[in-house]
PDB file of N, CA and C in Angstrom:
ATOM      1  N   UNK A   1     -20.315 134.860  79.737  1.00  0.00           N
ATOM      2  CA  UNK A   1     -19.581 134.568  81.096  1.00  0.00           C
ATOM      3  C   UNK A   1     -18.346 135.131  80.903  1.00  0.00           C
ATOM      4  N   UNK A   2     -18.007 136.028  81.681  1.00  0.00           N
ATOM      5  CA  UNK A   2     -16.489 136.431  81.825  1.00  0.00           C
ATOM      6  C   UNK A   2     -15.281 135.804  81.718  1.00  0.00           C
ATOM      7  N   UNK A   3     -14.398 136.337  81.286  1.00  0.00           N
ATOM      8  CA  UNK A   3     -12.985 135.186  80.978  1.00  0.00           C
ATOM      9  C   UNK A   3     -12.663 135.141  82.197  1.00  0.00           C
ATOM     10  N   UNK A   4     -11.546 133.794  82.758  1.00  0.00           N
ATOM     11  CA  UNK A   4     -11.238 133.923  84.199  1.00  0.00           C
ATOM     12  C   UNK A   4      -9.898 134.522  83.782  1.00  0.00           C
ATOM     13  N   UNK A   5      -9.743 135.414  85.067  1.00  0.00           N
ATOM     14  CA  UNK A   5      -8.459 136.179  85.214  1.00  0.00           C
ATOM     15  C   UNK A   5      -7.187 135.231  85.611  1.00  0.00           C
ATOM     16  N   UNK A   6      -5.851 135.377  84.914  1.00  0.00           N
ATOM     17  CA  UNK A   6      -4.707 134.320  85.390  1.00  0.00           C
ATOM     18  C   UNK A   6      -4.412 135.049  86.504  1.00  0.00           C
ATOM     19  N   UNK A   7      -4.054 134.047  87.823  1.00  0.00           N
ATOM     20  CA  UNK A   7      -3.192 134.757  88.737  1.00  0.00           C
ATOM     21  C   UNK A   7      -1.815 134.813  88.347  1.00  0.00           C
ATOM     22  N   UNK A   8      -1.482 136.172  88.256  1.00  0.00           N
ATOM     23  CA  UNK A   8      -0.078 136.426  88.059  1.00  0.00           C
ATOM     24  C   UNK A   8       0.923 135.713  88.855  1.00  0.00           C
ATOM     25  N   UNK A   9       0.928 135.647  90.046  1.00  0.00           N
ATOM     26  CA  UNK A   9       2.221 135.169  90.840  1.00  0.00           C
ATOM     27  C   UNK A   9       2.249 133.510  90.526  1.00  0.00           C
ATOM     28  N   UNK A  10       1.157 132.973  90.403  1.00  0.00           N
ATOM     29  CA  UNK A  10       1.266 131.405  89.917  1.00  0.00           C
ATOM     30  C   UNK A  10       1.784 131.491  88.618  1.00  0.00           C
ATOM     31  N   UNK A  11       1.001 132.068  87.624  1.00  0.00           N
ATOM     32  CA  UNK A  11       1.912 132.254  86.326  1.00  0.00           C
ATOM     33  C   UNK A  11       3.231 132.155  86.296  1.00  0.00           C
ATOM     34  N   UNK A  12       4.027 133.028  87.240  1.00  0.00           N
ATOM     35  CA  UNK A  12       5.290 133.062  87.119  1.00  0.00           C
ATOM     36  C   UNK A  12       6.217 131.787  88.041  1.00  0.00           C
ATOM     37  N   UNK A  13       5.234 131.211  88.823  1.00  0.00           N
ATOM     38  CA  UNK A  13       5.911 129.936  89.498  1.00  0.00           C
ATOM     39  C   UNK A  13       5.409 128.836  88.523  1.00  0.00           C
ATOM     40  N   UNK A  14       4.783 128.481  87.748  1.00  0.00           N
ATOM     41  CA  UNK A  14       4.456 127.288  87.083  1.00  0.00           C
ATOM     42  C   UNK A  14       4.503 127.659  85.753  1.00  0.00           C
ATOM     43  N   UNK A  15       4.959 126.350  84.974  1.00  0.00           N
ATOM     44  CA  UNK A  15       5.064 126.570  83.217  1.00  0.00           C
ATOM     45  C   UNK A  15       4.071 125.380  83.024  1.00  0.00           C
ATOM     46  N   UNK A  16       3.242 125.201  82.079  1.00  0.00           N
ATOM     47  CA  UNK A  16       2.404 123.904  81.501  1.00  0.00           C
ATOM     48  C   UNK A  16       3.646 123.165  80.695  1.00  0.00           C
ATOM     49  N   UNK A  17       3.739 122.204  80.374  1.00  0.00           N
ATOM     50  CA  UNK A  17       4.569 121.151  79.619  1.00  0.00           C
ATOM     51  C   UNK A  17       3.714 121.046  78.562  1.00  0.00           C
ATOM     52  N   UNK A  18       4.507 120.287  77.199  1.00  0.00           N
ATOM     53  CA  UNK A  18       3.434 119.903  76.154  1.00  0.00           C
ATOM     54  C   UNK A  18       2.400 118.956  76.042  1.00  0.00           C
ATOM     55  N   UNK A  19       2.803 117.908  77.459  1.00  0.00           N
ATOM     56  CA  UNK A  19       1.526 116.996  77.544  1.00  0.00           C
ATOM     57  C   UNK A  19       0.589 117.678  78.663  1.00  0.00           C
ATOM     58  N   UNK A  20       0.505 118.918  79.089  1.00  0.00           N
ATOM     59  CA  UNK A  20      -0.188 119.632  79.941  1.00  0.00           C
ATOM     60  C   UNK A  20       0.023 119.219  81.824  1.00  0.00           C
ATOM     61  N   UNK A  21       1.065 118.716  81.855  1.00  0.00           N
ATOM     62  CA  UNK A  21       1.358 118.702  83.144  1.00  0.00           C
ATOM     63  C   UNK A  21       2.072 119.762  83.525  1.00  0.00           C
ATOM     64  N   UNK A  22       2.246 120.023  84.969  1.00  0.00           N
ATOM     65  CA  UNK A  22       2.864 121.438  85.453  1.00  0.00           C
ATOM     66  C   UNK A  22       3.861 121.336  86.040  1.00  0.00           C
ATOM     67  N   UNK A  23       5.194 122.208  85.753  1.00  0.00           N
ATOM     68  CA  UNK A  23       6.534 121.937  85.907  1.00  0.00           C
ATOM     69  C   UNK A  23       6.578 123.434  87.186  1.00  0.00           C
ATOM     70  N   UNK A  24       7.166 122.728  88.093  1.00  0.00           N
ATOM     71  CA  UNK A  24       7.404 124.104  89.329  1.00  0.00           C
ATOM     72  C   UNK A  24       9.053 123.747  89.352  1.00  0.00           C
ATOM     73  N   UNK A  25       9.438 124.767  90.244  1.00  0.00           N
ATOM     74  CA  UNK A  25      10.604 124.976  91.059  1.00  0.00           C
ATOM     75  C   UNK A  25      10.797 124.341  92.201  1.00  0.00           C
ATOM     76  N   UNK A  26      11.969 123.753  92.905  1.00  0.00           N
ATOM     77  CA  UNK A  26      11.860 123.305  94.174  1.00  0.00           C
ATOM     78  C   UNK A  26      12.177 124.618  95.431  1.00  0.00           C
ATOM     79  N   UNK A  27      11.543 124.591  96.473  1.00  0.00           N
ATOM     80  CA  UNK A  27      11.710 125.422  97.492  1.00  0.00           C
ATOM     81  C   UNK A  27      13.306 125.091  98.105  1.00  0.00           C
ATOM     82  N   UNK A  28      13.536 125.986  98.929  1.00  0.00           N
ATOM     83  CA  UNK A  28      14.420 125.961  99.898  1.00  0.00           C
ATOM     84  C   UNK A  28      15.771 125.993  99.304  1.00  0.00           C
ATOM     85  N   UNK A  29      15.796 126.843  98.370  1.00  0.00           N
ATOM     86  CA  UNK A  29      17.201 127.427  97.606  1.00  0.00           C
ATOM     87  C   UNK A  29      17.468 128.583  97.515  1.00  0.00           C
ATOM     88  N   UNK A  30      17.062 129.768  98.396  1.00  0.00           N
ATOM     89  CA  UNK A  30      17.233 130.731  98.169  1.00  0.00           C
ATOM     90  C   UNK A  30      18.341 131.515  99.508  1.00  0.00           C
ATOM     91  N   UNK A  31      18.110 130.735 100.449  1.00  0.00           N
ATOM     92  CA  UNK A  31      19.258 131.324 101.794  1.00  0.00           C
ATOM     93  C   UNK A  31      19.186 130.383 102.615  1.00  0.00           C
ATOM     94  N   UNK A  32      20.108 130.107 103.642  1.00  0.00           N
ATOM     95  CA  UNK A  32      20.758 129.556 104.710  1.00  0.00           C
ATOM     96  C   UNK A  32      21.210 128.127 103.681  1.00  0.00           C
ATOM     97  N   UNK A  33      22.384 128.739 102.754  1.00  0.00           N
ATOM     98  CA  UNK A  33      22.759 127.694 101.840  1.00  0.00           C
ATOM     99  C   UNK A  33      24.198 126.845 102.599  1.00  0.00           C
ATOM    100  N   UNK A  34      24.690 127.318 103.666  1.00  0.00           N
ATOM    101  CA  UNK A  34      25.786 126.998 104.038  1.00  0.00           C
ATOM    102  C   UNK A  34      25.772 125.651 104.438  1.00  0.00           C
ATOM    103  N   UNK A  35      24.750 125.348 105.145  1.00  0.00           N
ATOM    104  CA  UNK A  35      24.607 124.039 106.243  1.00  0.00           C
ATOM    105  C   UNK A  35      24.309 122.908 105.181  1.00  0.00           C
ATOM    106  N   UNK A  36      23.722 123.253 103.825  1.00  0.00           N
ATOM    107  CA  UNK A  36      22.877 122.306 102.965  1.00  0.00           C
ATOM    108  C   UNK A  36      24.246 121.820 102.128  1.00  0.00           C
ATOM    109  N   UNK A  37      24.284 120.350 101.750  1.00  0.00           N
ATOM    110  CA  UNK A  37      25.115 119.682 101.040  1.00  0.00           C
ATOM    111  C   UNK A  37      25.134 120.203  99.641  1.00  0.00           C
ATOM    112  N   UNK A  38      26.451 120.121  98.983  1.00  0.00           N
ATOM    113  CA  UNK A  38      26.530 120.682  97.542  1.00  0.00           C
ATOM    114  C   UNK A  38      25.381 119.526  96.891  1.00  0.00           C
ATOM    115  N   UNK A  39      25.337 118.309  97.206  1.00  0.00           N
ATOM    116  CA  UNK A  39      24.506 117.422  96.423  1.00  0.00           C
ATOM    117  C   UNK A  39      23.079 117.786  96.771  1.00  0.00           C
ATOM    118  N   UNK A  40      22.890 118.416  97.729  1.00  0.00           N
ATOM    119  CA  UNK A  40      21.110 118.946  97.955  1.00  0.00           C
ATOM    120  C   UNK A  40      20.946 119.942  97.176  1.00  0.00           C
ATOM    121  N   UNK A  41      22.124 120.950  97.076  1.00  0.00           N
ATOM    122  CA  UNK A  41      21.627 122.304  96.498  1.00  0.00           C
ATOM    123  C   UNK A  41      21.606 122.023  95.123  1.00  0.00           C
ATOM    124  N   UNK A  42      22.278 120.916  94.655  1.00  0.00           N
ATOM    125  CA  UNK A  42      22.451 121.138  92.934  1.00  0.00           C
ATOM    126  C   UNK A  42      21.296 120.360  92.563  1.00  0.00           C
ATOM    127  N   UNK A  43      20.969 119.392  93.606  1.00  0.00           N
ATOM    128  CA  UNK A  43      19.222 118.951  93.452  1.00  0.00           C
ATOM    129  C   UNK A  43      18.092 119.974  93.250  1.00  0.00           C
ATOM    130  N   UNK A  44      18.347 120.698  94.257  1.00  0.00           N
ATOM    131  CA  UNK A  44      17.332 121.796  94.334  1.00  0.00           C
ATOM    132  C   UNK A  44      17.012 122.679  93.237  1.00  0.00           C
ATOM    133  N   UNK A  45      18.272 123.147  92.063  1.00  0.00           N
ATOM    134  CA  UNK A  45      18.392 123.591  90.985  1.00  0.00           C
ATOM    135  C   UNK A  45      17.227 123.055  89.886  1.00  0.00           C
ATOM    136  N   UNK A  46      17.015 121.698  90.099  1.00  0.00           N
ATOM    137  CA  UNK A  46      16.354 120.999  89.197  1.00  0.00           C
ATOM    138  C   UNK A  46      14.971 121.210  89.219  1.00  0.00           C
ATOM    139  N   UNK A  47      13.911 121.183  88.226  1.00  0.00           N
ATOM    140  CA  UNK A  47      12.724 121.813  88.056  1.00  0.00           C
ATOM    141  C   UNK A  47      11.698 120.278  88.667  1.00  0.00           C
ATOM    142  N   UNK A  48      10.886 120.388  88.817  1.00  0.00           N
ATOM    143  CA  UNK A  48       9.936 119.128  89.440  1.00  0.00           C
ATOM    144  C   UNK A  48       8.596 119.270  88.901  1.00  0.00           C
ATOM    145  N   UNK A  49       7.800 118.241  88.894  1.00  0.00           N
ATOM    146  CA  UNK A  49       6.298 118.489  88.427  1.00  0.00           C
ATOM    147  C   UNK A  49       5.469 118.551  89.458  1.00  0.00           C
ATOM    148  N   UNK A  50       4.425 119.255  89.363  1.00  0.00           N
ATOM    149  CA  UNK A  50       3.427 119.520  90.686  1.00  0.00           C
ATOM    150  C   UNK A  50       2.787 118.056  90.780  1.00  0.00           C
ATOM    151  N   UNK A  51       2.484 117.878  92.195  1.00  0.00           N
ATOM    152  CA  UNK A  51       1.566 116.614  92.499  1.00  0.00           C
ATOM    153  C   UNK A  51       0.395 116.476  91.609  1.00  0.00           C
ATOM    154  N   UNK A  52      -0.060 115.225  91.289  1.00  0.00           N
ATOM    155  CA  UNK A  52      -1.288 115.119  90.972  1.00  0.00           C
ATOM    156  C   UNK A  52      -2.710 115.402  91.705  1.00  0.00           C
ATOM    157  N   UNK A  53      -2.282 115.696  92.984  1.00  0.00           N
ATOM    158  CA  UNK A  53      -3.279 116.112  93.966  1.00  0.00           C
ATOM    159  C   UNK A  53      -3.406 117.681  94.029  1.00  0.00           C
ATOM    160  N   UNK A  54      -2.428 118.149  93.490  1.00  0.00           N
ATOM    161  CA  UNK A  54      -2.578 120.051  93.538  1.00  0.00           C
ATOM    162  C   UNK A  54      -2.851 120.355  91.957  1.00  0.00           C
ATOM    163  N   UNK A  55      -2.858 119.297  91.087  1.00  0.00           N
ATOM    164  CA  UNK A  55      -2.905 119.783  89.752  1.00  0.00           C
ATOM    165  C   UNK A  55      -4.209 120.688  89.633  1.00  0.00           C
ATOM    166  N   UNK A  56      -5.289 120.025  89.766  1.00  0.00           N
ATOM    167  CA  UNK A  56      -6.452 120.486  89.590  1.00  0.00           C
ATOM    168  C   UNK A  56      -6.667 122.224  89.965  1.00  0.00           C
ATOM    169  N   UNK A  57      -5.830 122.179  91.684  1.00  0.00           N
ATOM    170  CA  UNK A  57      -5.831 123.724  91.762  1.00  0.00           C
ATOM    171  C   UNK A  57      -5.347 124.970  91.256  1.00  0.00           C
ATOM    172  N   UNK A  58      -3.821 124.127  90.749  1.00  0.00           N
ATOM    173  CA  UNK A  58      -2.987 125.119  90.184  1.00  0.00           C
ATOM    174  C   UNK A  58      -3.831 125.512  88.810  1.00  0.00           C
ATOM    175  N   UNK A  59      -4.000 124.360  88.062  1.00  0.00           N
ATOM    176  CA  UNK A  59      -4.803 124.814  86.696  1.00  0.00           C
ATOM    177  C   UNK A  59      -5.795 125.980  86.717  1.00  0.00           C
ATOM    178  N   UNK A  60      -6.520 125.552  87.740  1.00  0.00           N
ATOM    179  CA  UNK A  60      -7.493 127.186  87.998  1.00  0.00           C
ATOM    180  C   UNK A  60      -6.937 128.424  87.987  1.00  0.00           C
ATOM    181  N   UNK A  61      -5.728 128.297  88.898  1.00  0.00           N
ATOM    182  CA  UNK A  61      -4.850 129.423  88.670  1.00  0.00           C
ATOM    183  C   UNK A  61      -4.374 130.021  87.718  1.00  0.00           C
ATOM    184  N   UNK A  62      -3.879 129.072  86.518  1.00  0.00           N
ATOM    185  CA  UNK A  62      -3.416 129.683  85.208  1.00  0.00           C
ATOM    186  C   UNK A  62      -4.211 128.933  84.189  1.00  0.00           C
ATOM    187  N   UNK A  63      -5.274 129.176  83.479  1.00  0.00           N
ATOM    188  CA  UNK A  63      -6.255 128.548  82.972  1.00  0.00           C
ATOM    189  C   UNK A  63      -6.040 128.829  81.396  1.00  0.00           C
ATOM    190  N   UNK A  64      -4.899 129.780  81.002  1.00  0.00           N
ATOM    191  CA  UNK A  64      -4.881 130.032  79.511  1.00  0.00           C
ATOM    192  C   UNK A  64      -3.182 129.762  79.522  1.00  0.00           C
TER     193      UNK A  64
END
């Protein structure tokens, strides 16, 4: 059976943690930042974990 190709766009967006969970960056921090509060912008800089329901789909995109 052939090896599964890694989805390169997903590989740049997600990282696997030591325990096998998936780390992602938050959206809405690229433009139209003037109307967003400093607290909101600061919290958008932090990374987050991929939701449990989406983990299976993302793991299929980045198998290695």
